[in-house]
């Protein structure tokens, strides 16, 4: 599931239930999911993704990529 760190849990379920394995790709330290609700309870409950929950529990294997291809190398080296 690409960009799993921004995906609402319910949107991940179809892929999870149909597959034999699941790979969640994304960065839980970047943008959170977009929640279009003014109710704080809704924002709080939907604001934490499955990806983030699993990362916090520490029960999954995670890897940080060592290479990226979306940014000019000079900017990447500076960042």
PDB file of N, CA and C in Angstrom:
ATOM      1  N   UNK A   1       0.866  -1.156   0.000  1.00  0.00           N
ATOM      2  CA  UNK A   1       0.000   0.000   0.000  1.00  0.00           C
ATOM      3  C   UNK A   1       0.917   1.223   0.000  1.00  0.00           C
ATOM      4  N   UNK A   2       0.918   1.933  -1.106  1.00  0.00           N
ATOM      5  CA  UNK A   2       1.774   3.108  -1.237  1.00  0.00           C
ATOM      6  C   UNK A   2       1.179   4.282  -0.474  1.00  0.00           C
ATOM      7  N   UNK A   3       2.031   5.102   0.081  1.00  0.00           N
ATOM      8  CA  UNK A   3       1.627   6.250   0.898  1.00  0.00           C
ATOM      9  C   UNK A   3       0.711   5.819   2.046  1.00  0.00           C
ATOM     10  N   UNK A   4       1.026   4.698   2.652  1.00  0.00           N
ATOM     11  CA  UNK A   4       0.212   4.144   3.739  1.00  0.00           C
ATOM     12  C   UNK A   4       0.194   5.053   4.961  1.00  0.00           C
ATOM     13  N   UNK A   5       1.186   5.901   5.085  1.00  0.00           N
ATOM     14  CA  UNK A   5       1.227   6.811   6.225  1.00  0.00           C
ATOM     15  C   UNK A   5       0.201   7.933   6.104  1.00  0.00           C
ATOM     16  N   UNK A   6      -0.414   8.067   4.923  1.00  0.00           N
ATOM     17  CA  UNK A   6      -1.459   9.067   4.729  1.00  0.00           C
ATOM     18  C   UNK A   6      -2.818   8.413   4.488  1.00  0.00           C
ATOM     19  N   UNK A   7      -2.874   7.102   4.449  1.00  0.00           N
ATOM     20  CA  UNK A   7      -4.105   6.387   4.118  1.00  0.00           C
ATOM     21  C   UNK A   7      -4.928   6.098   5.371  1.00  0.00           C
ATOM     22  N   UNK A   8      -6.203   6.379   5.303  1.00  0.00           N
ATOM     23  CA  UNK A   8      -7.091   6.008   6.403  1.00  0.00           C
ATOM     24  C   UNK A   8      -7.126   4.487   6.511  1.00  0.00           C
ATOM     25  N   UNK A   9      -7.256   3.986   7.724  1.00  0.00           N
ATOM     26  CA  UNK A   9      -7.244   2.530   7.939  1.00  0.00           C
ATOM     27  C   UNK A   9      -8.266   1.813   7.074  1.00  0.00           C
ATOM     28  N   UNK A  10      -9.472   2.333   7.034  1.00  0.00           N
ATOM     29  CA  UNK A  10     -10.532   1.665   6.286  1.00  0.00           C
ATOM     30  C   UNK A  10     -10.185   1.528   4.802  1.00  0.00           C
ATOM     31  N   UNK A  11      -9.415   2.457   4.261  1.00  0.00           N
ATOM     32  CA  UNK A  11      -9.041   2.374   2.851  1.00  0.00           C
ATOM     33  C   UNK A  11      -7.980   1.298   2.607  1.00  0.00           C
ATOM     34  N   UNK A  12      -7.335   0.822   3.645  1.00  0.00           N
ATOM     35  CA  UNK A  12      -6.323  -0.230   3.523  1.00  0.00           C
ATOM     36  C   UNK A  12      -6.921  -1.637   3.619  1.00  0.00           C
ATOM     37  N   UNK A  13      -8.094  -1.748   4.184  1.00  0.00           N
ATOM     38  CA  UNK A  13      -8.646  -3.067   4.484  1.00  0.00           C
ATOM     39  C   UNK A  13      -8.856  -3.950   3.260  1.00  0.00           C
ATOM     40  N   UNK A  14      -9.320  -3.410   2.152  1.00  0.00           N
ATOM     41  CA  UNK A  14      -9.564  -4.238   0.959  1.00  0.00           C
ATOM     42  C   UNK A  14      -8.281  -4.916   0.510  1.00  0.00           C
ATOM     43  N   UNK A  15      -7.197  -4.173   0.443  1.00  0.00           N
ATOM     44  CA  UNK A  15      -5.918  -4.758   0.032  1.00  0.00           C
ATOM     45  C   UNK A  15      -5.416  -5.769   1.060  1.00  0.00           C
ATOM     46  N   UNK A  16      -5.588  -5.461   2.326  1.00  0.00           N
ATOM     47  CA  UNK A  16      -5.114  -6.349   3.390  1.00  0.00           C
ATOM     48  C   UNK A  16      -5.865  -7.683   3.355  1.00  0.00           C
ATOM     49  N   UNK A  17      -7.167  -7.635   3.225  1.00  0.00           N
ATOM     50  CA  UNK A  17      -7.973  -8.862   3.250  1.00  0.00           C
ATOM     51  C   UNK A  17      -7.831  -9.696   1.986  1.00  0.00           C
ATOM     52  N   UNK A  18      -7.468  -9.089   0.867  1.00  0.00           N
ATOM     53  CA  UNK A  18      -7.341  -9.825  -0.389  1.00  0.00           C
ATOM     54  C   UNK A  18      -5.960 -10.420  -0.589  1.00  0.00           C
ATOM     55  N   UNK A  19      -4.965  -9.864   0.071  1.00  0.00           N
ATOM     56  CA  UNK A  19      -3.597 -10.317  -0.155  1.00  0.00           C
ATOM     57  C   UNK A  19      -3.134 -11.358   0.837  1.00  0.00           C
ATOM     58  N   UNK A  20      -2.055 -12.026   0.493  1.00  0.00           N
ATOM     59  CA  UNK A  20      -1.429 -12.985   1.401  1.00  0.00           C
ATOM     60  C   UNK A  20      -0.404 -12.285   2.285  1.00  0.00           C
ATOM     61  N   UNK A  21       0.156 -11.209   1.767  1.00  0.00           N
ATOM     62  CA  UNK A  21       1.119 -10.388   2.505  1.00  0.00           C
ATOM     63  C   UNK A  21       0.784  -8.931   2.258  1.00  0.00           C
ATOM     64  N   UNK A  22       1.241  -8.093   3.151  1.00  0.00           N
ATOM     65  CA  UNK A  22       1.008  -6.664   3.001  1.00  0.00           C
ATOM     66  C   UNK A  22       2.320  -5.926   3.213  1.00  0.00           C
ATOM     67  N   UNK A  23       2.599  -5.007   2.310  1.00  0.00           N
ATOM     68  CA  UNK A  23       3.741  -4.117   2.445  1.00  0.00           C
ATOM     69  C   UNK A  23       3.189  -2.709   2.511  1.00  0.00           C
ATOM     70  N   UNK A  24       3.472  -2.038   3.595  1.00  0.00           N
ATOM     71  CA  UNK A  24       3.051  -0.654   3.762  1.00  0.00           C
ATOM     72  C   UNK A  24       4.256   0.228   3.462  1.00  0.00           C
ATOM     73  N   UNK A  25       4.106   1.155   2.532  1.00  0.00           N
ATOM     74  CA  UNK A  25       5.195   2.061   2.164  1.00  0.00           C
ATOM     75  C   UNK A  25       4.774   3.488   2.475  1.00  0.00           C
ATOM     76  N   UNK A  26       5.668   4.228   3.089  1.00  0.00           N
ATOM     77  CA  UNK A  26       5.363   5.614   3.406  1.00  0.00           C
ATOM     78  C   UNK A  26       6.255   6.099   4.524  1.00  0.00           C
ATOM     79  N   UNK A  27       6.026   7.332   4.931  1.00  0.00           N
ATOM     80  CA  UNK A  27       6.816   7.937   5.994  1.00  0.00           C
ATOM     81  C   UNK A  27       5.855   8.509   7.026  1.00  0.00           C
ATOM     82  N   UNK A  28       5.761   7.872   8.178  1.00  0.00           N
ATOM     83  CA  UNK A  28       4.831   8.286   9.225  1.00  0.00           C
ATOM     84  C   UNK A  28       5.233   9.606   9.875  1.00  0.00           C
ATOM     85  N   UNK A  29       6.410  10.109   9.545  1.00  0.00           N
ATOM     86  CA  UNK A  29       6.856  11.402  10.093  1.00  0.00           C
ATOM     87  C   UNK A  29       6.527  12.566   9.161  1.00  0.00           C
ATOM     88  N   UNK A  30       5.897  12.288   8.030  1.00  0.00           N
ATOM     89  CA  UNK A  30       5.539  13.354   7.105  1.00  0.00           C
ATOM     90  C   UNK A  30       4.071  13.725   7.276  1.00  0.00           C
ATOM     91  N   UNK A  31       3.408  14.066   6.194  1.00  0.00           N
ATOM     92  CA  UNK A  31       2.033  14.557   6.267  1.00  0.00           C
ATOM     93  C   UNK A  31       1.061  13.514   6.805  1.00  0.00           C
ATOM     94  N   UNK A  32       0.167  13.902   7.696  1.00  0.00           N
ATOM     95  CA  UNK A  32      -0.864  12.986   8.203  1.00  0.00           C
ATOM     96  C   UNK A  32      -1.990  12.866   7.178  1.00  0.00           C
ATOM     97  N   UNK A  33      -2.939  11.974   7.403  1.00  0.00           N
ATOM     98  CA  UNK A  33      -4.082  11.874   6.487  1.00  0.00           C
ATOM     99  C   UNK A  33      -4.916  13.152   6.547  1.00  0.00           C
ATOM    100  N   UNK A  34      -5.611  13.431   5.454  1.00  0.00           N
ATOM    101  CA  UNK A  34      -6.503  14.584   5.394  1.00  0.00           C
ATOM    102  C   UNK A  34      -7.864  14.178   5.923  1.00  0.00           C
ATOM    103  N   UNK A  35      -8.295  14.816   6.981  1.00  0.00           N
ATOM    104  CA  UNK A  35      -9.588  14.533   7.600  1.00  0.00           C
ATOM    105  C   UNK A  35     -10.468  15.771   7.412  1.00  0.00           C
ATOM    106  N   UNK A  36     -11.546  15.619   6.682  1.00  0.00           N
ATOM    107  CA  UNK A  36     -12.436  16.752   6.434  1.00  0.00           C
ATOM    108  C   UNK A  36     -13.608  16.703   7.398  1.00  0.00           C
ATOM    109  N   UNK A  37     -13.334  17.034   8.622  1.00  0.00           N
ATOM    110  CA  UNK A  37     -14.356  17.079   9.657  1.00  0.00           C
ATOM    111  C   UNK A  37     -13.966  18.151  10.661  1.00  0.00           C
ATOM    112  N   UNK A  38     -14.938  18.834  11.184  1.00  0.00           N
ATOM    113  CA  UNK A  38     -14.669  19.849  12.194  1.00  0.00           C
ATOM    114  C   UNK A  38     -14.732  19.278  13.604  1.00  0.00           C
ATOM    115  N   UNK A  39     -15.158  18.047  13.737  1.00  0.00           N
ATOM    116  CA  UNK A  39     -15.307  17.418  15.046  1.00  0.00           C
ATOM    117  C   UNK A  39     -13.950  16.882  15.517  1.00  0.00           C
ATOM    118  N   UNK A  40     -13.517  17.333  16.650  1.00  0.00           N
ATOM    119  CA  UNK A  40     -12.201  16.946  17.157  1.00  0.00           C
ATOM    120  C   UNK A  40     -12.098  15.446  17.414  1.00  0.00           C
ATOM    121  N   UNK A  41     -13.182  14.824  17.851  1.00  0.00           N
ATOM    122  CA  UNK A  41     -13.148  13.379  18.107  1.00  0.00           C
ATOM    123  C   UNK A  41     -12.916  12.600  16.806  1.00  0.00           C
ATOM    124  N   UNK A  42     -13.574  13.019  15.748  1.00  0.00           N
ATOM    125  CA  UNK A  42     -13.390  12.374  14.445  1.00  0.00           C
ATOM    126  C   UNK A  42     -11.951  12.568  13.974  1.00  0.00           C
ATOM    127  N   UNK A  43     -11.444  13.778  14.081  1.00  0.00           N
ATOM    128  CA  UNK A  43     -10.067  14.057  13.680  1.00  0.00           C
ATOM    129  C   UNK A  43      -9.077  13.223  14.488  1.00  0.00           C
ATOM    130  N   UNK A  44      -9.309  13.111  15.773  1.00  0.00           N
ATOM    131  CA  UNK A  44      -8.410  12.347  16.647  1.00  0.00           C
ATOM    132  C   UNK A  44      -8.432  10.860  16.294  1.00  0.00           C
ATOM    133  N   UNK A  45      -9.610  10.306  16.091  1.00  0.00           N
ATOM    134  CA  UNK A  45      -9.722   8.873  15.817  1.00  0.00           C
ATOM    135  C   UNK A  45      -9.218   8.493  14.431  1.00  0.00           C
ATOM    136  N   UNK A  46      -9.497   9.328  13.439  1.00  0.00           N
ATOM    137  CA  UNK A  46      -9.073   9.009  12.078  1.00  0.00           C
ATOM    138  C   UNK A  46      -7.685   9.540  11.750  1.00  0.00           C
ATOM    139  N   UNK A  47      -7.155  10.385  12.603  1.00  0.00           N
ATOM    140  CA  UNK A  47      -5.875  11.021  12.338  1.00  0.00           C
ATOM    141  C   UNK A  47      -4.676  10.121  12.486  1.00  0.00           C
ATOM    142  N   UNK A  48      -4.827   9.004  13.145  1.00  0.00           N
ATOM    143  CA  UNK A  48      -3.716   8.056  13.306  1.00  0.00           C
ATOM    144  C   UNK A  48      -3.940   6.890  12.340  1.00  0.00           C
ATOM    145  N   UNK A  49      -2.979   6.675  11.469  1.00  0.00           N
ATOM    146  CA  UNK A  49      -3.122   5.642  10.441  1.00  0.00           C
ATOM    147  C   UNK A  49      -2.677   4.277  10.955  1.00  0.00           C
ATOM    148  N   UNK A  50      -3.044   3.257  10.221  1.00  0.00           N
ATOM    149  CA  UNK A  50      -2.603   1.896  10.527  1.00  0.00           C
ATOM    150  C   UNK A  50      -1.079   1.839  10.517  1.00  0.00           C
ATOM    151  N   UNK A  51      -0.476   2.493   9.545  1.00  0.00           N
ATOM    152  CA  UNK A  51       0.984   2.543   9.436  1.00  0.00           C
ATOM    153  C   UNK A  51       1.604   3.101  10.720  1.00  0.00           C
ATOM    154  N   UNK A  52       1.069   4.216  11.189  1.00  0.00           N
ATOM    155  CA  UNK A  52       1.592   4.855  12.404  1.00  0.00           C
ATOM    156  C   UNK A  52       1.373   3.973  13.632  1.00  0.00           C
ATOM    157  N   UNK A  53       0.201   3.356  13.726  1.00  0.00           N
ATOM    158  CA  UNK A  53      -0.069   2.473  14.873  1.00  0.00           C
ATOM    159  C   UNK A  53       0.920   1.313  14.922  1.00  0.00           C
ATOM    160  N   UNK A  54       1.172   0.710  13.765  1.00  0.00           N
ATOM    161  CA  UNK A  54       2.098  -0.420  13.718  1.00  0.00           C
ATOM    162  C   UNK A  54       3.532   0.016  14.025  1.00  0.00           C
ATOM    163  N   UNK A  55       3.927   1.170  13.537  1.00  0.00           N
ATOM    164  CA  UNK A  55       5.274   1.675  13.824  1.00  0.00           C
ATOM    165  C   UNK A  55       5.438   1.928  15.327  1.00  0.00           C
ATOM    166  N   UNK A  56       4.430   2.492  15.956  1.00  0.00           N
ATOM    167  CA  UNK A  56       4.513   2.785  17.387  1.00  0.00           C
ATOM    168  C   UNK A  56       4.558   1.524  18.228  1.00  0.00           C
ATOM    169  N   UNK A  57       3.893   0.481  17.779  1.00  0.00           N
ATOM    170  CA  UNK A  57       3.907  -0.774  18.533  1.00  0.00           C
ATOM    171  C   UNK A  57       5.237  -1.496  18.418  1.00  0.00           C
ATOM    172  N   UNK A  58       5.982  -1.218  17.363  1.00  0.00           N
ATOM    173  CA  UNK A  58       7.289  -1.844  17.187  1.00  0.00           C
ATOM    174  C   UNK A  58       7.230  -3.313  16.827  1.00  0.00           C
ATOM    175  N   UNK A  59       6.095  -3.767  16.349  1.00  0.00           N
ATOM    176  CA  UNK A  59       5.929  -5.193  16.054  1.00  0.00           C
ATOM    177  C   UNK A  59       6.118  -5.520  14.574  1.00  0.00           C
ATOM    178  N   UNK A  60       6.564  -4.567  13.794  1.00  0.00           N
ATOM    179  CA  UNK A  60       6.745  -4.814  12.374  1.00  0.00           C
ATOM    180  C   UNK A  60       8.189  -4.548  11.984  1.00  0.00           C
ATOM    181  N   UNK A  61       8.576  -5.110  10.877  1.00  0.00           N
ATOM    182  CA  UNK A  61       9.903  -4.866  10.339  1.00  0.00           C
ATOM    183  C   UNK A  61       9.820  -3.587   9.524  1.00  0.00           C
ATOM    184  N   UNK A  62      10.696  -2.654   9.808  1.00  0.00           N
ATOM    185  CA  UNK A  62      10.705  -1.409   9.048  1.00  0.00           C
ATOM    186  C   UNK A  62      12.108  -1.140   8.522  1.00  0.00           C
ATOM    187  N   UNK A  63      12.161  -0.480   7.400  1.00  0.00           N
ATOM    188  CA  UNK A  63      13.427  -0.117   6.788  1.00  0.00           C
ATOM    189  C   UNK A  63      13.353   1.324   6.314  1.00  0.00           C
ATOM    190  N   UNK A  64      14.413   2.065   6.542  1.00  0.00           N
ATOM    191  CA  UNK A  64      14.527   3.411   6.002  1.00  0.00           C
ATOM    192  C   UNK A  64      15.285   3.301   4.688  1.00  0.00           C
ATOM    193  N   UNK A  65      14.744   3.881   3.648  1.00  0.00           N
ATOM    194  CA  UNK A  65      15.410   3.829   2.349  1.00  0.00           C
ATOM    195  C   UNK A  65      16.702   4.637   2.396  1.00  0.00           C
ATOM    196  N   UNK A  66      17.704   4.146   1.717  1.00  0.00           N
ATOM    197  CA  UNK A  66      18.987   4.827   1.688  1.00  0.00           C
ATOM    198  C   UNK A  66      19.150   5.697   0.459  1.00  0.00           C
ATOM    199  N   UNK A  67      18.318   5.493  -0.538  1.00  0.00           N
ATOM    200  CA  UNK A  67      18.376   6.270  -1.775  1.00  0.00           C
ATOM    201  C   UNK A  67      16.999   6.817  -2.080  1.00  0.00           C
ATOM    202  N   UNK A  68      16.979   7.992  -2.661  1.00  0.00           N
ATOM    203  CA  UNK A  68      15.725   8.564  -3.123  1.00  0.00           C
ATOM    204  C   UNK A  68      15.988   9.157  -4.496  1.00  0.00           C
ATOM    205  N   UNK A  69      14.945   9.222  -5.309  1.00  0.00           N
ATOM    206  CA  UNK A  69      15.108   9.637  -6.703  1.00  0.00           C
ATOM    207  C   UNK A  69      14.192  10.783  -7.090  1.00  0.00           C
ATOM    208  N   UNK A  70      13.567  11.440  -6.131  1.00  0.00           N
ATOM    209  CA  UNK A  70      12.622  12.506  -6.438  1.00  0.00           C
ATOM    210  C   UNK A  70      13.228  13.894  -6.322  1.00  0.00           C
ATOM    211  N   UNK A  71      14.420  14.002  -5.805  1.00  0.00           N
ATOM    212  CA  UNK A  71      14.994  15.293  -5.458  1.00  0.00           C
ATOM    213  C   UNK A  71      16.382  15.420  -6.103  1.00  0.00           C
ATOM    214  N   UNK A  72      16.741  16.613  -6.517  1.00  0.00           N
ATOM    215  CA  UNK A  72      18.078  16.851  -7.055  1.00  0.00           C
ATOM    216  C   UNK A  72      19.111  16.471  -5.996  1.00  0.00           C
ATOM    217  N   UNK A  73      20.203  15.885  -6.432  1.00  0.00           N
ATOM    218  CA  UNK A  73      21.214  15.365  -5.507  1.00  0.00           C
ATOM    219  C   UNK A  73      21.778  16.442  -4.591  1.00  0.00           C
ATOM    220  N   UNK A  74      21.956  17.678  -5.076  1.00  0.00           N
ATOM    221  CA  UNK A  74      22.485  18.759  -4.226  1.00  0.00           C
ATOM    222  C   UNK A  74      21.538  19.052  -3.058  1.00  0.00           C
ATOM    223  N   UNK A  75      20.245  19.054  -3.334  1.00  0.00           N
ATOM    224  CA  UNK A  75      19.247  19.304  -2.282  1.00  0.00           C
ATOM    225  C   UNK A  75      19.221  18.135  -1.317  1.00  0.00           C
ATOM    226  N   UNK A  76      19.275  16.934  -1.850  1.00  0.00           N
ATOM    227  CA  UNK A  76      19.272  15.740  -1.011  1.00  0.00           C
ATOM    228  C   UNK A  76      20.485  15.721  -0.080  1.00  0.00           C
ATOM    229  N   UNK A  77      21.639  16.080  -0.606  1.00  0.00           N
ATOM    230  CA  UNK A  77      22.852  16.098   0.228  1.00  0.00           C
ATOM    231  C   UNK A  77      22.748  17.125   1.334  1.00  0.00           C
ATOM    232  N   UNK A  78      22.135  18.269   1.058  1.00  0.00           N
ATOM    233  CA  UNK A  78      21.965  19.323   2.053  1.00  0.00           C
ATOM    234  C   UNK A  78      20.966  18.922   3.128  1.00  0.00           C
ATOM    235  N   UNK A  79      19.869  18.262   2.721  1.00  0.00           N
ATOM    236  CA  UNK A  79      18.810  17.879   3.649  1.00  0.00           C
ATOM    237  C   UNK A  79      19.293  16.760   4.536  1.00  0.00           C
TER     238      UNK A  79
END
